[in-house]
Amino acid sequence: MDAQSAQQPTSTTYARPQQPAEAFAATLPVETLSRIFELALQHFEWPNEEKGQAQRVNYGLVCRSWCSAALPLPHYTVSSSAKAQRLAQVLQATDRSRQAVRSLDITSEGEKVSGRGAKIAKLLSLCPKLERLTLDVNRDLCAPGRRHEDGALGKVVRDALCKVQLQEVGLFGVSSLPVSVLNK
């Protein structure tokens, strides 16, 4: 008898919290969720655009159905290569989000992180309908010693720029840009 009682689960006085897939909000249609998010953020004044975007990204990380409702934004602001990498991961989740991106503002000031160019290039490659890009970098994105050949943006960023159909480009802090990017 003692062995049998030891195998039975102990009862608790609290209920297990609902998981996102079990929650009622997970069953709502995307249109309803989108409207809820619009209303929730409508009168909230953000100190800056990036914080408002961060809240939408947080909503999108709750579950798959929330991601498709919260994240198809036409404009994103990214202030570091780590945030560019995080946004790239979020955009990879749904094709609808990737197709919605029309404008990117990327600021990468003073970062001394290797692989910055690759992270930014990946983000650019996930935005096939990108029309406007503002890129503000204070340090070259190219590999050390390759500035003369690749320009300040580096080969991976240059190649990613050649694949998108930009109508407007703003480059700040970039002193050298290959002619091939300008002549596409």
N, C-alpha and C. Protein backbone atom coordinates (compact mmCIF):
# COMPACT_ATOMS: atom_id res chain seq x y z
N MET A 1 0.81 -1.19 0.00
CA MET A 1 0.00 0.00 0.00
C MET A 1 0.86 1.27 0.00
N ASP A 2 1.95 1.22 0.76
CA ASP A 2 2.79 2.41 0.83
C ASP A 2 3.42 2.73 -0.52
N ALA A 3 3.76 1.71 -1.30
CA ALA A 3 4.35 1.93 -2.62
C ALA A 3 3.34 2.58 -3.56
N GLN A 4 2.07 2.21 -3.40
CA GLN A 4 1.04 2.77 -4.27
C GLN A 4 0.81 4.25 -3.97
N SER A 5 0.77 4.63 -2.71
CA SER A 5 0.53 6.03 -2.37
C SER A 5 1.73 6.91 -2.74
N ALA A 6 2.91 6.35 -2.77
CA ALA A 6 4.10 7.11 -3.14
C ALA A 6 4.10 7.43 -4.63
N GLN A 7 3.42 6.61 -5.45
CA GLN A 7 3.40 6.82 -6.88
C GLN A 7 2.34 7.82 -7.32
N GLN A 8 1.36 8.10 -6.49
CA GLN A 8 0.29 9.01 -6.87
C GLN A 8 0.79 10.45 -6.77
N PRO A 9 0.36 11.29 -7.70
CA PRO A 9 0.81 12.68 -7.67
C PRO A 9 0.22 13.41 -6.47
N THR A 10 0.98 14.35 -5.98
CA THR A 10 0.50 15.14 -4.86
C THR A 10 -0.43 16.23 -5.38
N SER A 11 -1.43 16.57 -4.63
CA SER A 11 -2.35 17.62 -5.06
C SER A 11 -1.79 18.97 -4.63
N THR A 12 -2.11 19.99 -5.40
CA THR A 12 -1.66 21.33 -5.08
C THR A 12 -2.87 22.22 -4.84
N THR A 13 -2.65 23.32 -4.19
CA THR A 13 -3.74 24.24 -3.89
C THR A 13 -3.90 25.31 -4.96
N TYR A 14 -3.05 25.29 -5.98
CA TYR A 14 -3.17 26.29 -7.04
C TYR A 14 -3.34 25.59 -8.38
N ALA A 15 -3.97 26.28 -9.31
CA ALA A 15 -4.20 25.73 -10.64
C ALA A 15 -3.02 26.07 -11.53
N ARG A 16 -2.73 25.20 -12.46
CA ARG A 16 -1.67 25.45 -13.43
C ARG A 16 -2.11 26.58 -14.36
N PRO A 17 -1.26 27.57 -14.61
CA PRO A 17 -1.67 28.65 -15.51
C PRO A 17 -1.86 28.12 -16.93
N GLN A 18 -2.77 28.75 -17.65
CA GLN A 18 -3.02 28.32 -19.02
C GLN A 18 -1.82 28.61 -19.90
N GLN A 19 -1.56 27.71 -20.81
CA GLN A 19 -0.52 27.91 -21.79
C GLN A 19 -1.12 28.69 -22.95
N PRO A 20 -0.32 29.41 -23.74
CA PRO A 20 -0.88 30.21 -24.82
C PRO A 20 -1.79 29.43 -25.77
N ALA A 21 -1.44 28.18 -26.09
CA ALA A 21 -2.26 27.40 -27.01
C ALA A 21 -3.61 27.05 -26.39
N GLU A 22 -3.68 26.98 -25.06
CA GLU A 22 -4.92 26.64 -24.38
C GLU A 22 -5.73 27.88 -24.04
N ALA A 23 -5.13 29.04 -24.11
CA ALA A 23 -5.79 30.27 -23.71
C ALA A 23 -6.86 30.66 -24.72
N PHE A 24 -7.88 31.34 -24.25
CA PHE A 24 -8.96 31.77 -25.12
C PHE A 24 -8.46 32.70 -26.22
N ALA A 25 -7.54 33.60 -25.88
CA ALA A 25 -7.04 34.56 -26.86
C ALA A 25 -6.35 33.87 -28.04
N ALA A 26 -5.82 32.68 -27.83
CA ALA A 26 -5.15 31.96 -28.92
C ALA A 26 -6.15 31.47 -29.95
N THR A 27 -7.42 31.40 -29.60
CA THR A 27 -8.44 30.92 -30.54
C THR A 27 -9.07 32.04 -31.34
N LEU A 28 -8.76 33.28 -31.02
CA LEU A 28 -9.35 34.41 -31.74
C LEU A 28 -8.77 34.51 -33.15
N PRO A 29 -9.59 34.93 -34.12
CA PRO A 29 -9.06 35.11 -35.48
C PRO A 29 -8.05 36.26 -35.54
N VAL A 30 -7.17 36.20 -36.53
CA VAL A 30 -6.11 37.20 -36.69
C VAL A 30 -6.70 38.60 -36.80
N GLU A 31 -7.80 38.75 -37.52
CA GLU A 31 -8.41 40.06 -37.71
C GLU A 31 -8.83 40.67 -36.37
N THR A 32 -9.41 39.84 -35.49
CA THR A 32 -9.85 40.32 -34.18
C THR A 32 -8.64 40.71 -33.33
N LEU A 33 -7.61 39.86 -33.32
CA LEU A 33 -6.40 40.18 -32.57
C LEU A 33 -5.75 41.47 -33.08
N SER A 34 -5.70 41.64 -34.39
CA SER A 34 -5.11 42.85 -34.96
C SER A 34 -5.84 44.09 -34.48
N ARG A 35 -7.16 44.01 -34.47
CA ARG A 35 -7.97 45.15 -34.02
C ARG A 35 -7.73 45.43 -32.53
N ILE A 36 -7.64 44.37 -31.74
CA ILE A 36 -7.37 44.53 -30.30
C ILE A 36 -6.02 45.23 -30.09
N PHE A 37 -4.99 44.80 -30.83
CA PHE A 37 -3.67 45.42 -30.69
C PHE A 37 -3.70 46.88 -31.14
N GLU A 38 -4.42 47.17 -32.22
CA GLU A 38 -4.53 48.55 -32.68
C GLU A 38 -5.17 49.43 -31.62
N LEU A 39 -6.27 48.94 -31.03
CA LEU A 39 -6.96 49.71 -30.00
C LEU A 39 -6.11 49.86 -28.74
N ALA A 40 -5.38 48.82 -28.38
CA ALA A 40 -4.55 48.87 -27.17
C ALA A 40 -3.42 49.88 -27.31
N LEU A 41 -2.91 50.05 -28.51
CA LEU A 41 -1.76 50.94 -28.73
C LEU A 41 -2.15 52.30 -29.29
N GLN A 42 -3.45 52.49 -29.56
CA GLN A 42 -3.91 53.70 -30.24
C GLN A 42 -3.62 54.99 -29.48
N HIS A 43 -3.94 55.05 -28.20
CA HIS A 43 -3.79 56.29 -27.45
C HIS A 43 -2.55 56.31 -26.56
N PHE A 44 -1.74 55.31 -26.66
CA PHE A 44 -0.53 55.25 -25.86
C PHE A 44 0.57 55.99 -26.60
N GLU A 45 1.13 56.99 -25.97
CA GLU A 45 2.19 57.76 -26.61
C GLU A 45 3.54 57.23 -26.18
N TRP A 46 4.27 56.72 -27.12
CA TRP A 46 5.58 56.15 -26.83
C TRP A 46 6.62 57.25 -26.78
N PRO A 47 7.60 57.09 -25.91
CA PRO A 47 8.69 58.07 -25.89
C PRO A 47 9.44 58.11 -27.22
N ASN A 48 9.54 56.98 -27.86
CA ASN A 48 10.12 56.95 -29.19
C ASN A 48 9.56 55.76 -29.96
N GLU A 49 9.80 55.76 -31.23
CA GLU A 49 9.20 54.75 -32.11
C GLU A 49 9.66 53.34 -31.80
N GLU A 50 10.88 53.18 -31.37
CA GLU A 50 11.42 51.85 -31.12
C GLU A 50 10.72 51.16 -29.95
N LYS A 51 10.33 51.91 -28.92
CA LYS A 51 9.65 51.29 -27.78
C LYS A 51 8.25 50.81 -28.17
N GLY A 52 7.57 51.55 -29.01
CA GLY A 52 6.26 51.11 -29.50
C GLY A 52 6.39 49.84 -30.32
N GLN A 53 7.41 49.79 -31.13
CA GLN A 53 7.69 48.59 -31.92
C GLN A 53 8.04 47.42 -31.01
N ALA A 54 8.80 47.68 -29.96
CA ALA A 54 9.20 46.61 -29.03
C ALA A 54 7.97 45.99 -28.37
N GLN A 55 6.98 46.81 -28.05
CA GLN A 55 5.76 46.27 -27.44
C GLN A 55 5.04 45.35 -28.42
N ARG A 56 4.97 45.74 -29.69
CA ARG A 56 4.33 44.89 -30.71
C ARG A 56 5.11 43.58 -30.86
N VAL A 57 6.43 43.65 -30.83
CA VAL A 57 7.25 42.44 -30.93
C VAL A 57 6.99 41.54 -29.73
N ASN A 58 6.87 42.11 -28.53
CA ASN A 58 6.56 41.30 -27.35
C ASN A 58 5.22 40.61 -27.49
N TYR A 59 4.21 41.31 -28.01
CA TYR A 59 2.91 40.67 -28.26
C TYR A 59 3.09 39.52 -29.25
N GLY A 60 3.91 39.75 -30.26
CA GLY A 60 4.11 38.73 -31.28
C GLY A 60 4.81 37.48 -30.80
N LEU A 61 5.55 37.59 -29.70
CA LEU A 61 6.28 36.43 -29.18
C LEU A 61 5.43 35.55 -28.28
N VAL A 62 4.20 35.95 -27.97
CA VAL A 62 3.34 35.16 -27.08
C VAL A 62 3.03 33.81 -27.69
N CYS A 63 2.53 33.79 -28.90
CA CYS A 63 2.24 32.53 -29.59
C CYS A 63 2.14 32.82 -31.09
N ARG A 64 2.04 31.76 -31.88
CA ARG A 64 2.04 31.89 -33.33
C ARG A 64 0.89 32.77 -33.84
N SER A 65 -0.31 32.59 -33.28
CA SER A 65 -1.44 33.37 -33.78
C SER A 65 -1.29 34.85 -33.41
N TRP A 66 -0.68 35.15 -32.28
CA TRP A 66 -0.45 36.54 -31.91
C TRP A 66 0.63 37.15 -32.79
N CYS A 67 1.61 36.35 -33.19
CA CYS A 67 2.69 36.84 -34.04
C CYS A 67 2.14 37.34 -35.37
N SER A 68 1.26 36.57 -35.97
CA SER A 68 0.72 36.97 -37.27
C SER A 68 -0.19 38.19 -37.16
N ALA A 69 -0.74 38.45 -35.98
CA ALA A 69 -1.61 39.62 -35.79
C ALA A 69 -0.82 40.86 -35.39
N ALA A 70 0.20 40.71 -34.59
CA ALA A 70 0.90 41.87 -34.02
C ALA A 70 2.03 42.40 -34.89
N LEU A 71 2.62 41.56 -35.72
CA LEU A 71 3.88 41.96 -36.33
C LEU A 71 3.88 42.43 -37.77
N PRO A 72 2.90 42.27 -38.55
CA PRO A 72 3.06 42.81 -39.91
C PRO A 72 3.09 44.34 -39.90
N LEU A 73 4.23 44.91 -39.58
CA LEU A 73 4.39 46.36 -39.56
C LEU A 73 5.12 46.80 -40.83
N PRO A 74 4.77 47.95 -41.37
CA PRO A 74 5.46 48.42 -42.57
C PRO A 74 6.82 49.06 -42.28
N HIS A 75 7.05 49.47 -41.03
CA HIS A 75 8.29 50.18 -40.70
C HIS A 75 8.89 49.62 -39.40
N TYR A 76 10.18 49.40 -39.41
CA TYR A 76 10.88 48.95 -38.21
C TYR A 76 12.09 49.84 -37.96
N THR A 77 12.40 50.03 -36.69
CA THR A 77 13.58 50.77 -36.27
C THR A 77 14.44 49.82 -35.46
N VAL A 78 15.71 49.72 -35.81
CA VAL A 78 16.63 48.80 -35.14
C VAL A 78 17.84 49.61 -34.69
N SER A 79 18.22 49.47 -33.40
CA SER A 79 19.31 50.30 -32.88
C SER A 79 20.61 49.55 -32.60
N SER A 80 20.68 48.28 -32.96
CA SER A 80 21.93 47.54 -32.79
C SER A 80 21.87 46.29 -33.65
N SER A 81 23.03 45.69 -33.86
CA SER A 81 23.05 44.46 -34.66
C SER A 81 22.37 43.32 -33.93
N ALA A 82 22.40 43.32 -32.60
CA ALA A 82 21.70 42.29 -31.83
C ALA A 82 20.19 42.41 -32.02
N LYS A 83 19.69 43.64 -32.06
CA LYS A 83 18.26 43.84 -32.30
C LYS A 83 17.90 43.51 -33.74
N ALA A 84 18.83 43.73 -34.66
CA ALA A 84 18.60 43.34 -36.05
C ALA A 84 18.48 41.82 -36.15
N GLN A 85 19.32 41.12 -35.39
CA GLN A 85 19.26 39.66 -35.38
C GLN A 85 17.94 39.18 -34.77
N ARG A 86 17.49 39.82 -33.70
CA ARG A 86 16.23 39.43 -33.06
C ARG A 86 15.05 39.68 -34.00
N LEU A 87 15.05 40.82 -34.67
CA LEU A 87 13.97 41.12 -35.62
C LEU A 87 13.99 40.13 -36.77
N ALA A 88 15.18 39.75 -37.24
CA ALA A 88 15.28 38.75 -38.31
C ALA A 88 14.67 37.42 -37.88
N GLN A 89 14.89 37.03 -36.64
CA GLN A 89 14.30 35.78 -36.14
C GLN A 89 12.78 35.87 -36.10
N VAL A 90 12.26 37.02 -35.69
CA VAL A 90 10.81 37.21 -35.64
C VAL A 90 10.22 37.20 -37.05
N LEU A 91 10.88 37.88 -37.99
CA LEU A 91 10.38 37.93 -39.36
C LEU A 91 10.43 36.58 -40.05
N GLN A 92 11.38 35.74 -39.64
CA GLN A 92 11.48 34.40 -40.23
C GLN A 92 10.27 33.55 -39.89
N ALA A 93 9.58 33.87 -38.81
CA ALA A 93 8.45 33.06 -38.35
C ALA A 93 7.27 33.09 -39.31
N THR A 94 7.00 34.24 -39.92
CA THR A 94 5.83 34.33 -40.81
C THR A 94 6.18 35.08 -42.09
N ASP A 95 5.70 34.55 -43.20
CA ASP A 95 5.92 35.19 -44.49
C ASP A 95 5.15 36.51 -44.58
N ARG A 96 4.00 36.56 -43.94
CA ARG A 96 3.17 37.78 -43.97
C ARG A 96 3.94 38.97 -43.38
N SER A 97 4.68 38.73 -42.32
CA SER A 97 5.47 39.80 -41.70
C SER A 97 6.58 40.26 -42.63
N ARG A 98 7.25 39.32 -43.28
CA ARG A 98 8.34 39.68 -44.20
C ARG A 98 7.82 40.51 -45.36
N GLN A 99 6.68 40.14 -45.91
CA GLN A 99 6.12 40.84 -47.06
C GLN A 99 5.63 42.24 -46.71
N ALA A 100 5.32 42.49 -45.44
CA ALA A 100 4.77 43.78 -45.01
C ALA A 100 5.84 44.86 -44.84
N VAL A 101 7.08 44.47 -44.62
CA VAL A 101 8.14 45.44 -44.32
C VAL A 101 8.47 46.27 -45.56
N ARG A 102 8.29 47.59 -45.43
CA ARG A 102 8.59 48.51 -46.52
C ARG A 102 9.73 49.47 -46.18
N SER A 103 9.99 49.63 -44.88
CA SER A 103 10.96 50.64 -44.46
C SER A 103 11.74 50.16 -43.24
N LEU A 104 13.04 50.40 -43.25
CA LEU A 104 13.92 50.04 -42.13
C LEU A 104 14.82 51.21 -41.78
N ASP A 105 14.94 51.49 -40.49
CA ASP A 105 15.94 52.43 -39.99
C ASP A 105 16.89 51.62 -39.12
N ILE A 106 18.15 51.53 -39.52
CA ILE A 106 19.14 50.75 -38.78
C ILE A 106 20.23 51.69 -38.28
N THR A 107 20.43 51.69 -36.97
CA THR A 107 21.49 52.48 -36.35
C THR A 107 22.41 51.51 -35.64
N SER A 108 23.68 51.58 -35.94
CA SER A 108 24.65 50.68 -35.32
C SER A 108 25.83 51.52 -34.88
N GLU A 109 25.64 52.27 -33.81
CA GLU A 109 26.65 53.23 -33.38
C GLU A 109 27.66 52.61 -32.43
N GLY A 110 28.90 52.68 -32.79
CA GLY A 110 29.98 52.33 -31.90
C GLY A 110 30.07 50.88 -31.45
N GLU A 111 29.31 50.00 -32.03
CA GLU A 111 29.39 48.58 -31.64
C GLU A 111 30.72 48.02 -32.12
N LYS A 112 31.35 47.23 -31.28
CA LYS A 112 32.60 46.56 -31.67
C LYS A 112 32.37 45.06 -31.72
N VAL A 113 31.21 44.67 -32.20
CA VAL A 113 30.83 43.26 -32.24
C VAL A 113 31.17 42.70 -33.62
N SER A 114 31.80 41.55 -33.64
CA SER A 114 32.08 40.94 -34.94
C SER A 114 30.78 40.36 -35.49
N GLY A 115 30.66 40.35 -36.78
CA GLY A 115 29.47 39.79 -37.42
C GLY A 115 28.32 40.76 -37.54
N ARG A 116 28.57 42.06 -37.27
CA ARG A 116 27.49 43.05 -37.39
C ARG A 116 26.95 43.08 -38.80
N GLY A 117 27.84 43.08 -39.77
CA GLY A 117 27.41 43.14 -41.17
C GLY A 117 26.55 41.96 -41.56
N ALA A 118 26.91 40.77 -41.09
CA ALA A 118 26.14 39.56 -41.42
C ALA A 118 24.74 39.62 -40.82
N LYS A 119 24.62 40.15 -39.61
CA LYS A 119 23.30 40.26 -38.96
C LYS A 119 22.42 41.25 -39.71
N ILE A 120 22.99 42.36 -40.11
CA ILE A 120 22.24 43.37 -40.85
C ILE A 120 21.88 42.84 -42.24
N ALA A 121 22.81 42.13 -42.88
CA ALA A 121 22.55 41.55 -44.19
C ALA A 121 21.42 40.52 -44.14
N LYS A 122 21.39 39.71 -43.09
CA LYS A 122 20.31 38.72 -42.95
C LYS A 122 18.97 39.42 -42.82
N LEU A 123 18.91 40.49 -42.03
CA LEU A 123 17.67 41.24 -41.88
C LEU A 123 17.23 41.81 -43.23
N LEU A 124 18.16 42.38 -43.98
CA LEU A 124 17.83 42.93 -45.29
C LEU A 124 17.31 41.85 -46.24
N SER A 125 17.91 40.67 -46.17
CA SER A 125 17.48 39.58 -47.07
C SER A 125 16.09 39.06 -46.72
N LEU A 126 15.63 39.29 -45.50
CA LEU A 126 14.30 38.85 -45.09
C LEU A 126 13.21 39.87 -45.39
N CYS A 127 13.57 40.96 -46.04
CA CYS A 127 12.61 42.01 -46.38
C CYS A 127 12.57 42.21 -47.90
N PRO A 128 11.92 41.30 -48.63
CA PRO A 128 11.97 41.34 -50.09
C PRO A 128 11.27 42.56 -50.70
N LYS A 129 10.35 43.17 -50.00
CA LYS A 129 9.61 44.32 -50.54
C LYS A 129 10.08 45.64 -49.94
N LEU A 130 11.29 45.64 -49.40
CA LEU A 130 11.84 46.84 -48.78
C LEU A 130 12.00 47.95 -49.81
N GLU A 131 11.47 49.13 -49.50
CA GLU A 131 11.53 50.28 -50.41
C GLU A 131 12.43 51.39 -49.89
N ARG A 132 12.52 51.53 -48.55
CA ARG A 132 13.28 52.62 -47.96
C ARG A 132 14.20 52.09 -46.87
N LEU A 133 15.44 52.53 -46.90
CA LEU A 133 16.42 52.10 -45.90
C LEU A 133 17.22 53.31 -45.43
N THR A 134 17.32 53.45 -44.12
CA THR A 134 18.22 54.43 -43.52
C THR A 134 19.23 53.65 -42.70
N LEU A 135 20.48 53.80 -43.03
CA LEU A 135 21.55 53.06 -42.37
C LEU A 135 22.53 54.05 -41.76
N ASP A 136 22.66 54.02 -40.45
CA ASP A 136 23.55 54.93 -39.73
C ASP A 136 24.58 54.10 -38.97
N VAL A 137 25.79 54.04 -39.50
CA VAL A 137 26.85 53.26 -38.85
C VAL A 137 28.07 54.15 -38.65
N ASN A 138 28.63 54.10 -37.45
CA ASN A 138 29.82 54.89 -37.15
C ASN A 138 31.10 54.10 -37.36
N ARG A 139 30.97 52.79 -37.46
CA ARG A 139 32.13 51.94 -37.69
C ARG A 139 31.87 51.11 -38.94
N ASP A 140 32.91 50.82 -39.68
CA ASP A 140 32.76 50.03 -40.90
C ASP A 140 32.15 48.67 -40.59
N LEU A 141 31.35 48.17 -41.53
CA LEU A 141 30.77 46.83 -41.41
C LEU A 141 31.61 45.79 -42.14
N CYS A 142 32.65 46.24 -42.82
CA CYS A 142 33.47 45.30 -43.59
C CYS A 142 34.47 44.58 -42.70
N ALA A 143 35.02 43.51 -43.24
CA ALA A 143 36.05 42.77 -42.52
C ALA A 143 37.33 43.62 -42.48
N PRO A 144 38.11 43.50 -41.41
CA PRO A 144 39.36 44.27 -41.32
C PRO A 144 40.25 44.02 -42.53
N GLY A 145 40.77 45.08 -43.09
CA GLY A 145 41.68 44.96 -44.23
C GLY A 145 40.99 44.82 -45.57
N ARG A 146 39.66 44.81 -45.61
CA ARG A 146 38.94 44.63 -46.87
C ARG A 146 38.20 45.89 -47.29
N ARG A 147 38.44 46.98 -46.60
CA ARG A 147 37.69 48.21 -46.86
C ARG A 147 37.87 48.70 -48.30
N HIS A 148 39.07 48.61 -48.82
CA HIS A 148 39.33 49.09 -50.18
C HIS A 148 38.54 48.28 -51.21
N GLU A 149 38.41 46.98 -51.00
CA GLU A 149 37.71 46.12 -51.96
C GLU A 149 36.20 46.12 -51.75
N ASP A 150 35.76 46.08 -50.50
CA ASP A 150 34.34 45.92 -50.21
C ASP A 150 33.61 47.21 -49.87
N GLY A 151 34.33 48.27 -49.57
CA GLY A 151 33.70 49.49 -49.12
C GLY A 151 33.38 49.40 -47.64
N ALA A 152 32.89 50.49 -47.08
CA ALA A 152 32.63 50.55 -45.65
C ALA A 152 31.50 49.61 -45.22
N LEU A 153 30.61 49.27 -46.14
CA LEU A 153 29.49 48.40 -45.78
C LEU A 153 29.87 46.93 -45.71
N GLY A 154 30.90 46.53 -46.39
CA GLY A 154 31.29 45.13 -46.40
C GLY A 154 30.57 44.35 -47.48
N LYS A 155 31.11 43.21 -47.82
CA LYS A 155 30.59 42.40 -48.92
C LYS A 155 29.19 41.87 -48.65
N VAL A 156 28.93 41.34 -47.46
CA VAL A 156 27.62 40.72 -47.21
C VAL A 156 26.50 41.76 -47.22
N VAL A 157 26.74 42.94 -46.68
CA VAL A 157 25.72 43.99 -46.70
C VAL A 157 25.54 44.51 -48.12
N ARG A 158 26.65 44.70 -48.82
CA ARG A 158 26.57 45.16 -50.21
C ARG A 158 25.77 44.18 -51.06
N ASP A 159 26.03 42.88 -50.92
CA ASP A 159 25.29 41.87 -51.68
C ASP A 159 23.80 41.87 -51.32
N ALA A 160 23.49 42.04 -50.04
CA ALA A 160 22.09 42.09 -49.61
C ALA A 160 21.39 43.32 -50.18
N LEU A 161 22.09 44.46 -50.22
CA LEU A 161 21.52 45.68 -50.78
C LEU A 161 21.22 45.53 -52.27
N CYS A 162 22.05 44.79 -52.97
CA CYS A 162 21.85 44.59 -54.40
C CYS A 162 20.61 43.74 -54.70
N LYS A 163 20.14 42.99 -53.73
CA LYS A 163 19.00 42.09 -53.95
C LYS A 163 17.65 42.72 -53.63
N VAL A 164 17.62 43.85 -52.96
CA VAL A 164 16.34 44.50 -52.65
C VAL A 164 16.11 45.66 -53.62
N GLN A 165 14.86 45.99 -53.83
CA GLN A 165 14.47 47.03 -54.77
C GLN A 165 14.22 48.35 -54.04
N LEU A 166 15.27 48.95 -53.54
CA LEU A 166 15.14 50.19 -52.77
C LEU A 166 14.81 51.37 -53.68
N GLN A 167 13.91 52.21 -53.19
CA GLN A 167 13.58 53.45 -53.89
C GLN A 167 14.25 54.64 -53.20
N GLU A 168 14.54 54.49 -51.91
CA GLU A 168 15.13 55.57 -51.14
C GLU A 168 16.15 54.98 -50.17
N VAL A 169 17.36 55.54 -50.17
CA VAL A 169 18.42 55.07 -49.29
C VAL A 169 19.04 56.27 -48.59
N GLY A 170 19.17 56.17 -47.27
CA GLY A 170 19.87 57.19 -46.50
C GLY A 170 21.04 56.53 -45.79
N LEU A 171 22.25 56.97 -46.10
CA LEU A 171 23.45 56.41 -45.48
C LEU A 171 24.14 57.50 -44.67
N PHE A 172 24.37 57.20 -43.40
CA PHE A 172 25.02 58.16 -42.52
C PHE A 172 26.21 57.47 -41.86
N GLY A 173 27.34 58.15 -41.83
CA GLY A 173 28.53 57.60 -41.20
C GLY A 173 29.27 56.62 -42.09
N VAL A 174 28.79 56.41 -43.31
CA VAL A 174 29.46 55.50 -44.24
C VAL A 174 30.24 56.37 -45.21
N SER A 175 31.56 56.28 -45.14
CA SER A 175 32.38 57.16 -45.98
C SER A 175 32.73 56.54 -47.32
N SER A 176 32.54 55.24 -47.46
CA SER A 176 32.92 54.57 -48.70
C SER A 176 31.85 53.57 -49.09
N LEU A 177 31.32 53.72 -50.29
CA LEU A 177 30.27 52.84 -50.78
C LEU A 177 30.61 52.41 -52.20
N PRO A 178 30.58 51.12 -52.49
CA PRO A 178 30.92 50.67 -53.84
C PRO A 178 29.95 51.22 -54.88
N VAL A 179 30.47 51.54 -56.05
CA VAL A 179 29.66 52.07 -57.14
C VAL A 179 28.60 51.07 -57.57
N SER A 180 28.87 49.77 -57.44
CA SER A 180 27.90 48.75 -57.87
C SER A 180 26.58 48.87 -57.13
N VAL A 181 26.59 49.31 -55.88
CA VAL A 181 25.35 49.48 -55.12
C VAL A 181 24.58 50.68 -55.64
N LEU A 182 25.30 51.74 -55.99
CA LEU A 182 24.64 52.95 -56.46
C LEU A 182 24.11 52.81 -57.88
N ASN A 183 24.69 51.94 -58.68
CA ASN A 183 24.31 51.80 -60.09
C ASN A 183 23.37 50.65 -60.37
N LYS A 184 22.66 50.16 -59.41
CA LYS A 184 21.81 49.01 -59.71
C LYS A 184 20.48 49.42 -60.28
